[in-house]
Amino acid sequence: MKHTREQIKAELLKQYEEELDRIMTWEENTARPTLNQIEEQVLATRKRISEGMLRELLKGQESQRPVEAIQCPQCGQAMEDKGKEMRLVETRAGSLRIERNRYYCAQCKIGIFPPG
């Protein structure tokens, strides 16, 4: 089910606050951090925040726009819906675990994991 704008915003603000607390605690507990150390922490934090934003915005996308009659890219036959599958997807913003329906063509013996 697609989350409302308010639900997404609330979850993202919660995640941001947790990340802010984490990095501030690190800074308080690190004696004289160097610029490189601070930069590493900021970049890691930015990555986790970006991944969280992607996760929240992707929730419910498939139910909002259900995939209809997937056809095999090789033979054009209708593909069989094999149900939900969890995948690790590498994006420019980071790694995401997303769940999508996987489709399989028995004739060509190929499967696809549409982005929705």
PDB file of N, CA and C in Angstrom:
ATOM      1  N   MET A   1       0.835  -1.170   0.000  1.00  0.00           N
ATOM      2  CA  MET A   1       0.000   0.000   0.000  1.00  0.00           C
ATOM      3  C   MET A   1       0.890   1.247   0.000  1.00  0.00           C
ATOM      4  N   LYS A   2       0.545   2.211  -0.824  1.00  0.00           N
ATOM      5  CA  LYS A   2       1.323   3.446  -0.929  1.00  0.00           C
ATOM      6  C   LYS A   2       1.184   4.238   0.358  1.00  0.00           C
ATOM      7  N   HIS A   3       2.295   4.685   0.878  1.00  0.00           N
ATOM      8  CA  HIS A   3       2.275   5.529   2.063  1.00  0.00           C
ATOM      9  C   HIS A   3       1.877   6.942   1.681  1.00  0.00           C
ATOM     10  N   THR A   4       1.274   7.626   2.628  1.00  0.00           N
ATOM     11  CA  THR A   4       0.906   9.021   2.387  1.00  0.00           C
ATOM     12  C   THR A   4       2.148   9.889   2.478  1.00  0.00           C
ATOM     13  N   ARG A   5       2.028  11.079   1.965  1.00  0.00           N
ATOM     14  CA  ARG A   5       3.118  12.052   2.040  1.00  0.00           C
ATOM     15  C   ARG A   5       3.543  12.266   3.492  1.00  0.00           C
ATOM     16  N   GLU A   6       2.569  12.353   4.386  1.00  0.00           N
ATOM     17  CA  GLU A   6       2.860  12.594   5.803  1.00  0.00           C
ATOM     18  C   GLU A   6       3.601  11.410   6.430  1.00  0.00           C
ATOM     19  N   GLN A   7       3.217  10.176   6.056  1.00  0.00           N
ATOM     20  CA  GLN A   7       3.892   8.991   6.587  1.00  0.00           C
ATOM     21  C   GLN A   7       5.336   8.928   6.103  1.00  0.00           C
ATOM     22  N   ILE A   8       5.545   9.214   4.839  1.00  0.00           N
ATOM     23  CA  ILE A   8       6.904   9.206   4.287  1.00  0.00           C
ATOM     24  C   ILE A   8       7.744  10.276   4.956  1.00  0.00           C
ATOM     25  N   LYS A   9       7.192  11.465   5.082  1.00  0.00           N
ATOM     26  CA  LYS A   9       7.924  12.570   5.708  1.00  0.00           C
ATOM     27  C   LYS A   9       8.281  12.236   7.159  1.00  0.00           C
ATOM     28  N   ALA A  10       7.335  11.675   7.904  1.00  0.00           N
ATOM     29  CA  ALA A  10       7.584  11.329   9.301  1.00  0.00           C
ATOM     30  C   ALA A  10       8.697  10.291   9.418  1.00  0.00           C
ATOM     31  N   GLU A  11       8.673   9.281   8.558  1.00  0.00           N
ATOM     32  CA  GLU A  11       9.707   8.237   8.601  1.00  0.00           C
ATOM     33  C   GLU A  11      11.071   8.816   8.237  1.00  0.00           C
ATOM     34  N   LEU A  12      11.114   9.659   7.212  1.00  0.00           N
ATOM     35  CA  LEU A  12      12.393  10.256   6.805  1.00  0.00           C
ATOM     36  C   LEU A  12      12.941  11.188   7.890  1.00  0.00           C
ATOM     37  N   LEU A  13      12.090  11.963   8.533  1.00  0.00           N
ATOM     38  CA  LEU A  13      12.543  12.837   9.617  1.00  0.00           C
ATOM     39  C   LEU A  13      13.077  12.013  10.786  1.00  0.00           C
ATOM     40  N   LYS A  14      12.417  10.901  11.083  1.00  0.00           N
ATOM     41  CA  LYS A  14      12.888  10.011  12.150  1.00  0.00           C
ATOM     42  C   LYS A  14      14.277   9.469  11.808  1.00  0.00           C
ATOM     43  N   GLN A  15      14.440   9.002  10.563  1.00  0.00           N
ATOM     44  CA  GLN A  15      15.736   8.475  10.139  1.00  0.00           C
ATOM     45  C   GLN A  15      16.812   9.561  10.182  1.00  0.00           C
ATOM     46  N   TYR A  16      16.456  10.767   9.738  1.00  0.00           N
ATOM     47  CA  TYR A  16      17.422  11.864   9.741  1.00  0.00           C
ATOM     48  C   TYR A  16      17.847  12.201  11.169  1.00  0.00           C
ATOM     49  N   GLU A  17      16.892  12.254  12.087  1.00  0.00           N
ATOM     50  CA  GLU A  17      17.224  12.543  13.482  1.00  0.00           C
ATOM     51  C   GLU A  17      18.144  11.480  14.067  1.00  0.00           C
ATOM     52  N   GLU A  18      17.885  10.207  13.744  1.00  0.00           N
ATOM     53  CA  GLU A  18      18.744   9.124  14.229  1.00  0.00           C
ATOM     54  C   GLU A  18      20.161   9.271  13.689  1.00  0.00           C
ATOM     55  N   GLU A  19      20.279   9.613  12.416  1.00  0.00           N
ATOM     56  CA  GLU A  19      21.604   9.800  11.815  1.00  0.00           C
ATOM     57  C   GLU A  19      22.312  11.014  12.421  1.00  0.00           C
ATOM     58  N   LEU A  20      21.571  12.063  12.641  1.00  0.00           N
ATOM     59  CA  LEU A  20      22.146  13.266  13.250  1.00  0.00           C
ATOM     60  C   LEU A  20      22.644  12.962  14.659  1.00  0.00           C
ATOM     61  N   ASP A  21      21.852  12.240  15.444  1.00  0.00           N
ATOM     62  CA  ASP A  21      22.280  11.847  16.787  1.00  0.00           C
ATOM     63  C   ASP A  21      23.526  10.971  16.726  1.00  0.00           C
ATOM     64  N   ARG A  22      23.548  10.038  15.759  1.00  0.00           N
ATOM     65  CA  ARG A  22      24.685   9.131  15.632  1.00  0.00           C
ATOM     66  C   ARG A  22      25.969   9.896  15.332  1.00  0.00           C
ATOM     67  N   ILE A  23      25.914  10.814  14.376  1.00  0.00           N
ATOM     68  CA  ILE A  23      27.141  11.522  13.991  1.00  0.00           C
ATOM     69  C   ILE A  23      27.567  12.523  15.069  1.00  0.00           C
ATOM     70  N   MET A  24      26.612  13.110  15.752  1.00  0.00           N
ATOM     71  CA  MET A  24      26.970  14.034  16.835  1.00  0.00           C
ATOM     72  C   MET A  24      27.588  13.282  18.009  1.00  0.00           C
ATOM     73  N   THR A  25      27.074  12.087  18.312  1.00  0.00           N
ATOM     74  CA  THR A  25      27.658  11.259  19.372  1.00  0.00           C
ATOM     75  C   THR A  25      29.078  10.851  18.989  1.00  0.00           C
ATOM     76  N   TRP A  26      29.263  10.468  17.722  1.00  0.00           N
ATOM     77  CA  TRP A  26      30.602  10.108  17.259  1.00  0.00           C
ATOM     78  C   TRP A  26      31.555  11.293  17.460  1.00  0.00           C
ATOM     79  N   GLU A  27      31.121  12.476  17.050  1.00  0.00           N
ATOM     80  CA  GLU A  27      31.977  13.667  17.143  1.00  0.00           C
ATOM     81  C   GLU A  27      32.317  13.977  18.600  1.00  0.00           C
ATOM     82  N   GLU A  28      31.328  13.849  19.484  1.00  0.00           N
ATOM     83  CA  GLU A  28      31.548  14.125  20.910  1.00  0.00           C
ATOM     84  C   GLU A  28      32.517  13.122  21.534  1.00  0.00           C
ATOM     85  N   ASN A  29      32.509  11.891  21.045  1.00  0.00           N
ATOM     86  CA  ASN A  29      33.340  10.837  21.621  1.00  0.00           C
ATOM     87  C   ASN A  29      34.671  10.633  20.902  1.00  0.00           C
ATOM     88  N   THR A  30      34.955  11.440  19.899  1.00  0.00           N
ATOM     89  CA  THR A  30      36.197  11.315  19.157  1.00  0.00           C
ATOM     90  C   THR A  30      37.085  12.519  19.491  1.00  0.00           C
ATOM     91  N   ALA A  31      38.196  12.220  20.131  1.00  0.00           N
ATOM     92  CA  ALA A  31      39.116  13.292  20.516  1.00  0.00           C
ATOM     93  C   ALA A  31      39.799  13.865  19.272  1.00  0.00           C
ATOM     94  N   ARG A  32      39.625  15.121  19.042  1.00  0.00           N
ATOM     95  CA  ARG A  32      40.266  15.848  17.947  1.00  0.00           C
ATOM     96  C   ARG A  32      40.167  15.127  16.597  1.00  0.00           C
ATOM     97  N   PRO A  33      38.945  14.956  16.085  1.00  0.00           N
ATOM     98  CA  PRO A  33      38.813  14.289  14.785  1.00  0.00           C
ATOM     99  C   PRO A  33      39.450  15.133  13.679  1.00  0.00           C
ATOM    100  N   THR A  34      40.052  14.453  12.742  1.00  0.00           N
ATOM    101  CA  THR A  34      40.656  15.147  11.605  1.00  0.00           C
ATOM    102  C   THR A  34      39.571  15.473  10.576  1.00  0.00           C
ATOM    103  N   LEU A  35      39.916  16.336   9.641  1.00  0.00           N
ATOM    104  CA  LEU A  35      38.989  16.669   8.566  1.00  0.00           C
ATOM    105  C   LEU A  35      38.622  15.408   7.785  1.00  0.00           C
ATOM    106  N   ASN A  36      39.591  14.558   7.529  1.00  0.00           N
ATOM    107  CA  ASN A  36      39.314  13.306   6.806  1.00  0.00           C
ATOM    108  C   ASN A  36      38.351  12.401   7.569  1.00  0.00           C
ATOM    109  N   GLN A  37      38.522  12.300   8.877  1.00  0.00           N
ATOM    110  CA  GLN A  37      37.620  11.478   9.682  1.00  0.00           C
ATOM    111  C   GLN A  37      36.198  12.047   9.667  1.00  0.00           C
ATOM    112  N   ILE A  38      36.099  13.350   9.805  1.00  0.00           N
ATOM    113  CA  ILE A  38      34.787  14.002   9.774  1.00  0.00           C
ATOM    114  C   ILE A  38      34.135  13.792   8.411  1.00  0.00           C
ATOM    115  N   GLU A  39      34.926  13.982   7.361  1.00  0.00           N
ATOM    116  CA  GLU A  39      34.407  13.800   6.006  1.00  0.00           C
ATOM    117  C   GLU A  39      33.897  12.368   5.804  1.00  0.00           C
ATOM    118  N   GLU A  40      34.644  11.368   6.284  1.00  0.00           N
ATOM    119  CA  GLU A  40      34.212   9.976   6.162  1.00  0.00           C
ATOM    120  C   GLU A  40      32.876   9.750   6.863  1.00  0.00           C
ATOM    121  N   GLN A  41      32.721  10.322   8.045  1.00  0.00           N
ATOM    122  CA  GLN A  41      31.471  10.175   8.786  1.00  0.00           C
ATOM    123  C   GLN A  41      30.306  10.858   8.056  1.00  0.00           C
ATOM    124  N   VAL A  42      30.560  12.053   7.537  1.00  0.00           N
ATOM    125  CA  VAL A  42      29.516  12.788   6.814  1.00  0.00           C
ATOM    126  C   VAL A  42      29.102  12.033   5.548  1.00  0.00           C
ATOM    127  N   LEU A  43      30.069  11.520   4.808  1.00  0.00           N
ATOM    128  CA  LEU A  43      29.751  10.786   3.583  1.00  0.00           C
ATOM    129  C   LEU A  43      28.983   9.497   3.883  1.00  0.00           C
ATOM    130  N   ALA A  44      29.371   8.790   4.940  1.00  0.00           N
ATOM    131  CA  ALA A  44      28.656   7.569   5.322  1.00  0.00           C
ATOM    132  C   ALA A  44      27.224   7.909   5.754  1.00  0.00           C
ATOM    133  N   THR A  45      27.085   8.997   6.474  1.00  0.00           N
ATOM    134  CA  THR A  45      25.756   9.441   6.910  1.00  0.00           C
ATOM    135  C   THR A  45      24.906   9.828   5.708  1.00  0.00           C
ATOM    136  N   ARG A  46      25.484  10.561   4.788  1.00  0.00           N
ATOM    137  CA  ARG A  46      24.757  10.965   3.580  1.00  0.00           C
ATOM    138  C   ARG A  46      24.286   9.738   2.802  1.00  0.00           C
ATOM    139  N   LYS A  47      25.130   8.729   2.719  1.00  0.00           N
ATOM    140  CA  LYS A  47      24.772   7.499   2.004  1.00  0.00           C
ATOM    141  C   LYS A  47      23.580   6.814   2.667  1.00  0.00           C
ATOM    142  N   ARG A  48      23.608   6.697   3.998  1.00  0.00           N
ATOM    143  CA  ARG A  48      22.500   6.052   4.705  1.00  0.00           C
ATOM    144  C   ARG A  48      21.207   6.860   4.562  1.00  0.00           C
ATOM    145  N   ILE A  49      21.308   8.180   4.602  1.00  0.00           N
ATOM    146  CA  ILE A  49      20.120   9.023   4.438  1.00  0.00           C
ATOM    147  C   ILE A  49      19.564   8.879   3.025  1.00  0.00           C
ATOM    148  N   SER A  50      20.431   8.871   2.023  1.00  0.00           N
ATOM    149  CA  SER A  50      19.984   8.711   0.629  1.00  0.00           C
ATOM    150  C   SER A  50      19.308   7.366   0.414  1.00  0.00           C
ATOM    151  N   GLU A  51      19.911   6.304   0.969  1.00  0.00           N
ATOM    152  CA  GLU A  51      19.308   4.980   0.846  1.00  0.00           C
ATOM    153  C   GLU A  51      17.942   4.942   1.520  1.00  0.00           C
ATOM    154  N   GLY A  52      17.831   5.585   2.667  1.00  0.00           N
ATOM    155  CA  GLY A  52      16.549   5.640   3.373  1.00  0.00           C
ATOM    156  C   GLY A  52      15.492   6.382   2.578  1.00  0.00           C
ATOM    157  N   MET A  53      15.891   7.473   1.945  1.00  0.00           N
ATOM    158  CA  MET A  53      14.943   8.220   1.116  1.00  0.00           C
ATOM    159  C   MET A  53      14.452   7.368  -0.039  1.00  0.00           C
ATOM    160  N   LEU A  54      15.370   6.674  -0.694  1.00  0.00           N
ATOM    161  CA  LEU A  54      14.981   5.796  -1.801  1.00  0.00           C
ATOM    162  C   LEU A  54      14.026   4.710  -1.323  1.00  0.00           C
ATOM    163  N   ARG A  55      14.361   4.077  -0.201  1.00  0.00           N
ATOM    164  CA  ARG A  55      13.507   3.005   0.339  1.00  0.00           C
ATOM    165  C   ARG A  55      12.093   3.514   0.598  1.00  0.00           C
ATOM    166  N   GLU A  56      11.992   4.657   1.258  1.00  0.00           N
ATOM    167  CA  GLU A  56      10.675   5.194   1.604  1.00  0.00           C
ATOM    168  C   GLU A  56       9.875   5.572   0.367  1.00  0.00           C
ATOM    169  N   LEU A  57      10.531   6.170  -0.612  1.00  0.00           N
ATOM    170  CA  LEU A  57       9.822   6.595  -1.814  1.00  0.00           C
ATOM    171  C   LEU A  57       9.425   5.417  -2.696  1.00  0.00           C
ATOM    172  N   LEU A  58      10.171   4.307  -2.592  1.00  0.00           N
ATOM    173  CA  LEU A  58       9.841   3.128  -3.386  1.00  0.00           C
ATOM    174  C   LEU A  58       8.741   2.269  -2.760  1.00  0.00           C
ATOM    175  N   LYS A  59       8.511   2.433  -1.466  1.00  0.00           N
ATOM    176  CA  LYS A  59       7.479   1.627  -0.806  1.00  0.00           C
ATOM    177  C   LYS A  59       6.138   1.846  -1.492  1.00  0.00           C
ATOM    178  N   GLY A  60       5.552   0.766  -1.873  1.00  0.00           N
ATOM    179  CA  GLY A  60       4.219   0.849  -2.451  1.00  0.00           C
ATOM    180  C   GLY A  60       4.163   1.238  -3.910  1.00  0.00           C
ATOM    181  N   GLN A  61       5.291   1.460  -4.565  1.00  0.00           N
ATOM    182  CA  GLN A  61       5.263   1.851  -5.975  1.00  0.00           C
ATOM    183  C   GLN A  61       4.621   0.778  -6.842  1.00  0.00           C
ATOM    184  N   GLU A  62       4.914  -0.492  -6.562  1.00  0.00           N
ATOM    185  CA  GLU A  62       4.352  -1.554  -7.384  1.00  0.00           C
ATOM    186  C   GLU A  62       2.848  -1.640  -7.204  1.00  0.00           C
ATOM    187  N   SER A  63       2.354  -1.423  -5.980  1.00  0.00           N
ATOM    188  CA  SER A  63       0.910  -1.485  -5.779  1.00  0.00           C
ATOM    189  C   SER A  63       0.226  -0.245  -6.340  1.00  0.00           C
ATOM    190  N   GLN A  64       0.958   0.849  -6.400  1.00  0.00           N
ATOM    191  CA  GLN A  64       0.390   2.062  -6.983  1.00  0.00           C
ATOM    192  C   GLN A  64       0.270   1.910  -8.495  1.00  0.00           C
ATOM    193  N   ARG A  65       1.279   1.297  -9.102  1.00  0.00           N
ATOM    194  CA  ARG A  65       1.280   1.079 -10.551  1.00  0.00           C
ATOM    195  C   ARG A  65       1.542  -0.394 -10.812  1.00  0.00           C
ATOM    196  N   PRO A  66       0.516  -1.242 -10.656  1.00  0.00           N
ATOM    197  CA  PRO A  66       0.754  -2.674 -10.853  1.00  0.00           C
ATOM    198  C   PRO A  66       1.256  -2.977 -12.253  1.00  0.00           C
ATOM    199  N   VAL A  67       2.149  -3.951 -12.322  1.00  0.00           N
ATOM    200  CA  VAL A  67       2.696  -4.372 -13.603  1.00  0.00           C
ATOM    201  C   VAL A  67       1.669  -5.264 -14.280  1.00  0.00           C
ATOM    202  N   GLU A  68       1.369  -4.966 -15.539  1.00  0.00           N
ATOM    203  CA  GLU A  68       0.389  -5.756 -16.275  1.00  0.00           C
ATOM    204  C   GLU A  68       1.084  -6.604 -17.327  1.00  0.00           C
ATOM    205  N   ALA A  69       0.618  -7.801 -17.515  1.00  0.00           N
ATOM    206  CA  ALA A  69       1.022  -8.712 -18.592  1.00  0.00           C
ATOM    207  C   ALA A  69       2.442  -8.484 -19.090  1.00  0.00           C
ATOM    208  N   ILE A  70       3.394  -8.933 -18.313  1.00  0.00           N
ATOM    209  CA  ILE A  70       4.796  -8.817 -18.713  1.00  0.00           C
ATOM    210  C   ILE A  70       5.047  -9.791 -19.853  1.00  0.00           C
ATOM    211  N   GLN A  71       5.657  -9.295 -20.910  1.00  0.00           N
ATOM    212  CA  GLN A  71       6.001 -10.140 -22.049  1.00  0.00           C
ATOM    213  C   GLN A  71       7.500 -10.375 -22.079  1.00  0.00           C
ATOM    214  N   CYS A  72       7.855 -11.565 -22.489  1.00  0.00           N
ATOM    215  CA  CYS A  72       9.261 -11.942 -22.592  1.00  0.00           C
ATOM    216  C   CYS A  72       9.946 -11.039 -23.617  1.00  0.00           C
ATOM    217  N   PRO A  73      11.091 -10.458 -23.257  1.00  0.00           N
ATOM    218  CA  PRO A  73      11.800  -9.598 -24.205  1.00  0.00           C
ATOM    219  C   PRO A  73      12.391 -10.366 -25.391  1.00  0.00           C
ATOM    220  N   GLN A  74      12.507 -11.706 -25.265  1.00  0.00           N
ATOM    221  CA  GLN A  74      13.077 -12.497 -26.360  1.00  0.00           C
ATOM    222  C   GLN A  74      12.019 -13.055 -27.299  1.00  0.00           C
ATOM    223  N   CYS A  75      10.965 -13.679 -26.733  1.00  0.00           N
ATOM    224  CA  CYS A  75       9.980 -14.351 -27.598  1.00  0.00           C
ATOM    225  C   CYS A  75       8.624 -13.656 -27.638  1.00  0.00           C
ATOM    226  N   GLY A  76       8.387 -12.726 -26.720  1.00  0.00           N
ATOM    227  CA  GLY A  76       7.122 -12.000 -26.719  1.00  0.00           C
ATOM    228  C   GLY A  76       5.982 -12.697 -26.005  1.00  0.00           C
ATOM    229  N   GLN A  77       6.209 -13.911 -25.493  1.00  0.00           N
ATOM    230  CA  GLN A  77       5.167 -14.642 -24.771  1.00  0.00           C
ATOM    231  C   GLN A  77       4.932 -14.009 -23.395  1.00  0.00           C
ATOM    232  N   ALA A  78       3.717 -14.220 -22.865  1.00  0.00           N
ATOM    233  CA  ALA A  78       3.409 -13.746 -21.512  1.00  0.00           C
ATOM    234  C   ALA A  78       4.295 -14.491 -20.521  1.00  0.00           C
ATOM    235  N   MET A  79       4.818 -13.749 -19.565  1.00  0.00           N
ATOM    236  CA  MET A  79       5.696 -14.350 -18.561  1.00  0.00           C
ATOM    237  C   MET A  79       4.892 -14.705 -17.315  1.00  0.00           C
ATOM    238  N   GLU A  80       5.331 -15.745 -16.623  1.00  0.00           N
ATOM    239  CA  GLU A  80       4.657 -16.212 -15.417  1.00  0.00           C
ATOM    240  C   GLU A  80       5.141 -15.408 -14.209  1.00  0.00           C
ATOM    241  N   ASP A  81       4.189 -14.942 -13.411  1.00  0.00           N
ATOM    242  CA  ASP A  81       4.509 -14.236 -12.173  1.00  0.00           C
ATOM    243  C   ASP A  81       4.927 -15.278 -11.143  1.00  0.00           C
ATOM    244  N   LYS A  82       6.169 -15.205 -10.681  1.00  0.00           N
ATOM    245  CA  LYS A  82       6.703 -16.169  -9.719  1.00  0.00           C
ATOM    246  C   LYS A  82       6.607 -15.672  -8.278  1.00  0.00           C
ATOM    247  N   GLY A  83       5.944 -14.547  -8.085  1.00  0.00           N
ATOM    248  CA  GLY A  83       5.763 -14.023  -6.733  1.00  0.00           C
ATOM    249  C   GLY A  83       6.851 -13.043  -6.333  1.00  0.00           C
ATOM    250  N   LYS A  84       6.757 -12.600  -5.106  1.00  0.00           N
ATOM    251  CA  LYS A  84       7.678 -11.595  -4.574  1.00  0.00           C
ATOM    252  C   LYS A  84       9.065 -12.178  -4.346  1.00  0.00           C
ATOM    253  N   GLU A  85      10.046 -11.331  -4.563  1.00  0.00           N
ATOM    254  CA  GLU A  85      11.435 -11.714  -4.332  1.00  0.00           C
ATOM    255  C   GLU A  85      12.190 -10.481  -3.842  1.00  0.00           C
ATOM    256  N   MET A  86      13.058 -10.691  -2.873  1.00  0.00           N
ATOM    257  CA  MET A  86      13.885  -9.611  -2.341  1.00  0.00           C
ATOM    258  C   MET A  86      15.188  -9.576  -3.122  1.00  0.00           C
ATOM    259  N   ARG A  87      15.597  -8.389  -3.525  1.00  0.00           N
ATOM    260  CA  ARG A  87      16.856  -8.221  -4.259  1.00  0.00           C
ATOM    261  C   ARG A  87      17.651  -7.062  -3.676  1.00  0.00           C
ATOM    262  N   LEU A  88      18.960  -7.182  -3.768  1.00  0.00           N
ATOM    263  CA  LEU A  88      19.852  -6.085  -3.442  1.00  0.00           C
ATOM    264  C   LEU A  88      20.131  -5.371  -4.753  1.00  0.00           C
ATOM    265  N   VAL A  89      19.762  -4.108  -4.824  1.00  0.00           N
ATOM    266  CA  VAL A  89      19.911  -3.323  -6.043  1.00  0.00           C
ATOM    267  C   VAL A  89      20.899  -2.202  -5.773  1.00  0.00           C
ATOM    268  N   GLU A  90      21.912  -2.087  -6.636  1.00  0.00           N
ATOM    269  CA  GLU A  90      22.889  -1.012  -6.515  1.00  0.00           C
ATOM    270  C   GLU A  90      22.390   0.185  -7.311  1.00  0.00           C
ATOM    271  N   THR A  91      22.274   1.335  -6.644  1.00  0.00           N
ATOM    272  CA  THR A  91      21.847   2.566  -7.302  1.00  0.00           C
ATOM    273  C   THR A  91      22.955   3.598  -7.160  1.00  0.00           C
ATOM    274  N   ARG A  92      22.801   4.720  -7.804  1.00  0.00           N
ATOM    275  CA  ARG A  92      23.804   5.786  -7.657  1.00  0.00           C
ATOM    276  C   ARG A  92      23.823   6.333  -6.246  1.00  0.00           C
ATOM    277  N   ALA A  93      22.715   6.207  -5.524  1.00  0.00           N
ATOM    278  CA  ALA A  93      22.636   6.714  -4.153  1.00  0.00           C
ATOM    279  C   ALA A  93      23.068   5.685  -3.117  1.00  0.00           C
ATOM    280  N   GLY A  94      23.216   4.434  -3.526  1.00  0.00           N
ATOM    281  CA  GLY A  94      23.627   3.404  -2.587  1.00  0.00           C
ATOM    282  C   GLY A  94      22.917   2.091  -2.844  1.00  0.00           C
ATOM    283  N   SER A  95      23.098   1.165  -1.929  1.00  0.00           N
ATOM    284  CA  SER A  95      22.498  -0.168  -2.037  1.00  0.00           C
ATOM    285  C   SER A  95      21.125  -0.174  -1.399  1.00  0.00           C
ATOM    286  N   LEU A  96      20.201  -0.845  -2.071  1.00  0.00           N
ATOM    287  CA  LEU A  96      18.844  -0.964  -1.545  1.00  0.00           C
ATOM    288  C   LEU A  96      18.394  -2.408  -1.598  1.00  0.00           C
ATOM    289  N   ARG A  97      17.658  -2.827  -0.603  1.00  0.00           N
ATOM    290  CA  ARG A  97      16.962  -4.108  -0.650  1.00  0.00           C
ATOM    291  C   ARG A  97      15.532  -3.768  -1.020  1.00  0.00           C
ATOM    292  N   ILE A  98      15.086  -4.266  -2.174  1.00  0.00           N
ATOM    293  CA  ILE A  98      13.716  -4.012  -2.588  1.00  0.00           C
ATOM    294  C   ILE A  98      13.020  -5.320  -2.910  1.00  0.00           C
ATOM    295  N   GLU A  99      11.731  -5.310  -2.703  1.00  0.00           N
ATOM    296  CA  GLU A  99      10.932  -6.492  -2.983  1.00  0.00           C
ATOM    297  C   GLU A  99      10.043  -6.193  -4.186  1.00  0.00           C
ATOM    298  N   ARG A 100      10.095  -7.064  -5.154  1.00  0.00           N
ATOM    299  CA  ARG A 100       9.305  -6.927  -6.376  1.00  0.00           C
ATOM    300  C   ARG A 100       8.867  -8.315  -6.828  1.00  0.00           C
ATOM    301  N   ASN A 101       7.857  -8.340  -7.674  1.00  0.00           N
ATOM    302  CA  ASN A 101       7.476  -9.601  -8.300  1.00  0.00           C
ATOM    303  C   ASN A 101       8.513  -9.955  -9.354  1.00  0.00           C
ATOM    304  N   ARG A 102       8.817 -11.246  -9.449  1.00  0.00           N
ATOM    305  CA  ARG A 102       9.756 -11.750 -10.447  1.00  0.00           C
ATOM    306  C   ARG A 102       8.937 -12.502 -11.489  1.00  0.00           C
ATOM    307  N   TYR A 103       9.314 -12.354 -12.746  1.00  0.00           N
ATOM    308  CA  TYR A 103       8.596 -12.987 -13.849  1.00  0.00           C
ATOM    309  C   TYR A 103       9.540 -13.927 -14.590  1.00  0.00           C
ATOM    310  N   TYR A 104       8.966 -15.040 -15.110  1.00  0.00           N
ATOM    311  CA  TYR A 104       9.781 -16.074 -15.735  1.00  0.00           C
ATOM    312  C   TYR A 104       9.129 -16.540 -17.032  1.00  0.00           C
ATOM    313  N   CYS A 105       9.961 -16.721 -18.053  1.00  0.00           N
ATOM    314  CA  CYS A 105       9.507 -17.272 -19.332  1.00  0.00           C
ATOM    315  C   CYS A 105       9.999 -18.709 -19.411  1.00  0.00           C
ATOM    316  N   ALA A 106       9.041 -19.660 -19.401  1.00  0.00           N
ATOM    317  CA  ALA A 106       9.399 -21.077 -19.443  1.00  0.00           C
ATOM    318  C   ALA A 106      10.017 -21.451 -20.788  1.00  0.00           C
ATOM    319  N   GLN A 107       9.602 -20.777 -21.843  1.00  0.00           N
ATOM    320  CA  GLN A 107      10.124 -21.102 -23.174  1.00  0.00           C
ATOM    321  C   GLN A 107      11.593 -20.692 -23.310  1.00  0.00           C
ATOM    322  N   CYS A 108      11.901 -19.474 -22.921  1.00  0.00           N
ATOM    323  CA  CYS A 108      13.274 -18.960 -23.072  1.00  0.00           C
ATOM    324  C   CYS A 108      14.142 -19.219 -21.840  1.00  0.00           C
ATOM    325  N   LYS A 109      13.506 -19.614 -20.762  1.00  0.00           N
ATOM    326  CA  LYS A 109      14.200 -19.893 -19.497  1.00  0.00           C
ATOM    327  C   LYS A 109      14.946 -18.664 -18.969  1.00  0.00           C
ATOM    328  N   ILE A 110      14.242 -17.507 -19.031  1.00  0.00           N
ATOM    329  CA  ILE A 110      14.819 -16.286 -18.467  1.00  0.00           C
ATOM    330  C   ILE A 110      13.835 -15.675 -17.479  1.00  0.00           C
ATOM    331  N   GLY A 111      14.369 -14.958 -16.538  1.00  0.00           N
ATOM    332  CA  GLY A 111      13.551 -14.262 -15.561  1.00  0.00           C
ATOM    333  C   GLY A 111      13.870 -12.784 -15.576  1.00  0.00           C
ATOM    334  N   ILE A 112      12.906 -11.984 -15.165  1.00  0.00           N
ATOM    335  CA  ILE A 112      13.149 -10.538 -15.046  1.00  0.00           C
ATOM    336  C   ILE A 112      12.571 -10.055 -13.711  1.00  0.00           C
ATOM    337  N   PHE A 113      13.079  -8.950 -13.281  1.00  0.00           N
ATOM    338  CA  PHE A 113      12.733  -8.326 -12.014  1.00  0.00           C
ATOM    339  C   PHE A 113      12.447  -6.864 -12.331  1.00  0.00           C
ATOM    340  N   PRO A 114      11.229  -6.564 -12.852  1.00  0.00           N
ATOM    341  CA  PRO A 114      10.971  -5.198 -13.314  1.00  0.00           C
ATOM    342  C   PRO A 114      11.048  -4.172 -12.184  1.00  0.00           C
ATOM    343  N   PRO A 115      11.488  -2.972 -12.506  1.00  0.00           N
ATOM    344  CA  PRO A 115      11.624  -1.933 -11.487  1.00  0.00           C
ATOM    345  C   PRO A 115      10.297  -1.350 -11.027  1.00  0.00           C
ATOM    346  N   GLY A 116       9.231  -1.560 -11.740  1.00  0.00           N
ATOM    347  CA  GLY A 116       7.910  -1.064 -11.320  1.00  0.00           C
ATOM    348  C   GLY A 116       7.695   0.375 -11.672  1.00  0.00           C
TER     349      GLY A 116
END
